[in-house]
Amino acid sequence: MEKTSEKIRKILADFLGVETGDISEDDLLTEDLHMTAIDLTDFSEMLKTAGFDTTGLNMAEVETLADLYEKLV
């Protein structure tokens, strides 16, 4: 079974159109990965569609991929 962190990283990589190895847990979503507010909202919807409980998730408070792991696990 795929680990949650790996699944989230794969969804993000697919969303951004990059390889999973190109994304680090410490990458800043808005600065390093150049995600806009709209991108963050769309990505949040992708996570919800993939079965993650995004209730109460405020993507504006999520700075890194590691932060996202903490909020979703």
C-alpha atoms as a PDB file:
ATOM      1  CA  MET A   1       0.000   0.000   0.000  1.00  0.00           C
ATOM      2  CA  GLU A   2       1.270   3.436  -0.934  1.00  0.00           C
ATOM      3  CA  LYS A   3       2.267   5.623   2.004  1.00  0.00           C
ATOM      4  CA  THR A   4       0.212   8.773   2.515  1.00  0.00           C
ATOM      5  CA  SER A   5       3.206  11.065   2.030  1.00  0.00           C
ATOM      6  CA  GLU A   6       4.110   9.344  -1.247  1.00  0.00           C
ATOM      7  CA  LYS A   7       0.530   9.591  -2.478  1.00  0.00           C
ATOM      8  CA  ILE A   8       0.377  13.324  -1.670  1.00  0.00           C
ATOM      9  CA  ARG A   9       3.740  13.903  -3.367  1.00  0.00           C
ATOM     10  CA  LYS A  10       2.555  12.017  -6.483  1.00  0.00           C
ATOM     11  CA  ILE A  11      -0.661  14.048  -6.660  1.00  0.00           C
ATOM     12  CA  LEU A  12       1.343  17.274  -6.333  1.00  0.00           C
ATOM     13  CA  ALA A  13       3.863  16.181  -8.960  1.00  0.00           C
ATOM     14  CA  ASP A  14       1.058  15.288 -11.378  1.00  0.00           C
ATOM     15  CA  PHE A  15      -0.608  18.631 -10.667  1.00  0.00           C
ATOM     16  CA  LEU A  16       2.602  20.561 -11.328  1.00  0.00           C
ATOM     17  CA  GLY A  17       3.682  18.407 -14.267  1.00  0.00           C
ATOM     18  CA  VAL A  18       7.007  17.396 -12.710  1.00  0.00           C
ATOM     19  CA  GLU A  19       8.623  14.206 -11.435  1.00  0.00           C
ATOM     20  CA  THR A  20       8.140  13.292  -7.764  1.00  0.00           C
ATOM     21  CA  GLY A  21      11.921  13.455  -7.290  1.00  0.00           C
ATOM     22  CA  ASP A  22      11.828  17.125  -8.243  1.00  0.00           C
ATOM     23  CA  ILE A  23       9.805  17.952  -5.123  1.00  0.00           C
ATOM     24  CA  SER A  24      11.360  18.138  -1.675  1.00  0.00           C
ATOM     25  CA  GLU A  25       9.423  18.035   1.597  1.00  0.00           C
ATOM     26  CA  ASP A  26      11.043  21.366   2.473  1.00  0.00           C
ATOM     27  CA  ASP A  27      10.062  23.125  -0.764  1.00  0.00           C
ATOM     28  CA  LEU A  28       7.924  26.185  -0.157  1.00  0.00           C
ATOM     29  CA  LEU A  29       4.730  25.701  -2.130  1.00  0.00           C
ATOM     30  CA  THR A  30       4.398  29.329  -3.182  1.00  0.00           C
ATOM     31  CA  GLU A  31       8.047  30.313  -3.540  1.00  0.00           C
ATOM     32  CA  ASP A  32       9.933  27.183  -4.615  1.00  0.00           C
ATOM     33  CA  LEU A  33       7.083  25.510  -6.507  1.00  0.00           C
ATOM     34  CA  HIS A  34       5.561  28.806  -7.715  1.00  0.00           C
ATOM     35  CA  MET A  35       1.990  27.865  -6.738  1.00  0.00           C
ATOM     36  CA  THR A  36      -0.573  30.671  -6.796  1.00  0.00           C
ATOM     37  CA  ALA A  37      -3.610  30.912  -4.523  1.00  0.00           C
ATOM     38  CA  ILE A  38      -5.688  29.387  -7.308  1.00  0.00           C
ATOM     39  CA  ASP A  39      -3.180  26.534  -7.682  1.00  0.00           C
ATOM     40  CA  LEU A  40      -3.398  25.843  -3.940  1.00  0.00           C
ATOM     41  CA  THR A  41      -7.186  25.744  -4.099  1.00  0.00           C
ATOM     42  CA  ASP A  42      -7.175  23.456  -7.129  1.00  0.00           C
ATOM     43  CA  PHE A  43      -4.590  21.180  -5.503  1.00  0.00           C
ATOM     44  CA  SER A  44      -6.711  21.018  -2.356  1.00  0.00           C
ATOM     45  CA  GLU A  45      -9.654  19.886  -4.498  1.00  0.00           C
ATOM     46  CA  MET A  46      -7.469  17.199  -6.087  1.00  0.00           C
ATOM     47  CA  LEU A  47      -6.575  15.935  -2.623  1.00  0.00           C
ATOM     48  CA  LYS A  48     -10.248  15.819  -1.682  1.00  0.00           C
ATOM     49  CA  THR A  49     -11.053  13.902  -4.874  1.00  0.00           C
ATOM     50  CA  ALA A  50      -8.253  11.448  -4.019  1.00  0.00           C
ATOM     51  CA  GLY A  51      -9.952  10.689  -0.710  1.00  0.00           C
ATOM     52  CA  PHE A  52      -8.129  12.977   1.700  1.00  0.00           C
ATOM     53  CA  ASP A  53     -10.184  14.779   4.336  1.00  0.00           C
ATOM     54  CA  THR A  54      -9.523  18.427   3.549  1.00  0.00           C
ATOM     55  CA  THR A  55     -12.214  19.710   5.904  1.00  0.00           C
ATOM     56  CA  GLY A  56     -10.734  22.608   7.808  1.00  0.00           C
ATOM     57  CA  LEU A  57      -7.581  22.601   5.699  1.00  0.00           C
ATOM     58  CA  ASN A  58      -6.475  26.166   5.068  1.00  0.00           C
ATOM     59  CA  MET A  59      -3.892  26.015   2.304  1.00  0.00           C
ATOM     60  CA  ALA A  60      -2.829  29.582   3.119  1.00  0.00           C
ATOM     61  CA  GLU A  61      -1.383  28.167   6.361  1.00  0.00           C
ATOM     62  CA  VAL A  62       0.545  25.401   4.581  1.00  0.00           C
ATOM     63  CA  GLU A  63       4.035  26.543   3.647  1.00  0.00           C
ATOM     64  CA  THR A  64       5.795  23.289   2.736  1.00  0.00           C
ATOM     65  CA  LEU A  65       4.934  19.779   1.640  1.00  0.00           C
ATOM     66  CA  ALA A  66       5.966  18.590   5.117  1.00  0.00           C
ATOM     67  CA  ASP A  67       3.395  20.995   6.620  1.00  0.00           C
ATOM     68  CA  LEU A  68       0.753  19.470   4.389  1.00  0.00           C
ATOM     69  CA  TYR A  69       1.671  15.942   5.491  1.00  0.00           C
ATOM     70  CA  GLU A  70       1.198  16.984   9.117  1.00  0.00           C
ATOM     71  CA  LYS A  71      -2.222  18.486   8.462  1.00  0.00           C
ATOM     72  CA  LEU A  72      -3.537  15.525   6.457  1.00  0.00           C
ATOM     73  CA  VAL A  73      -2.169  12.619   8.496  1.00  0.00           C
END
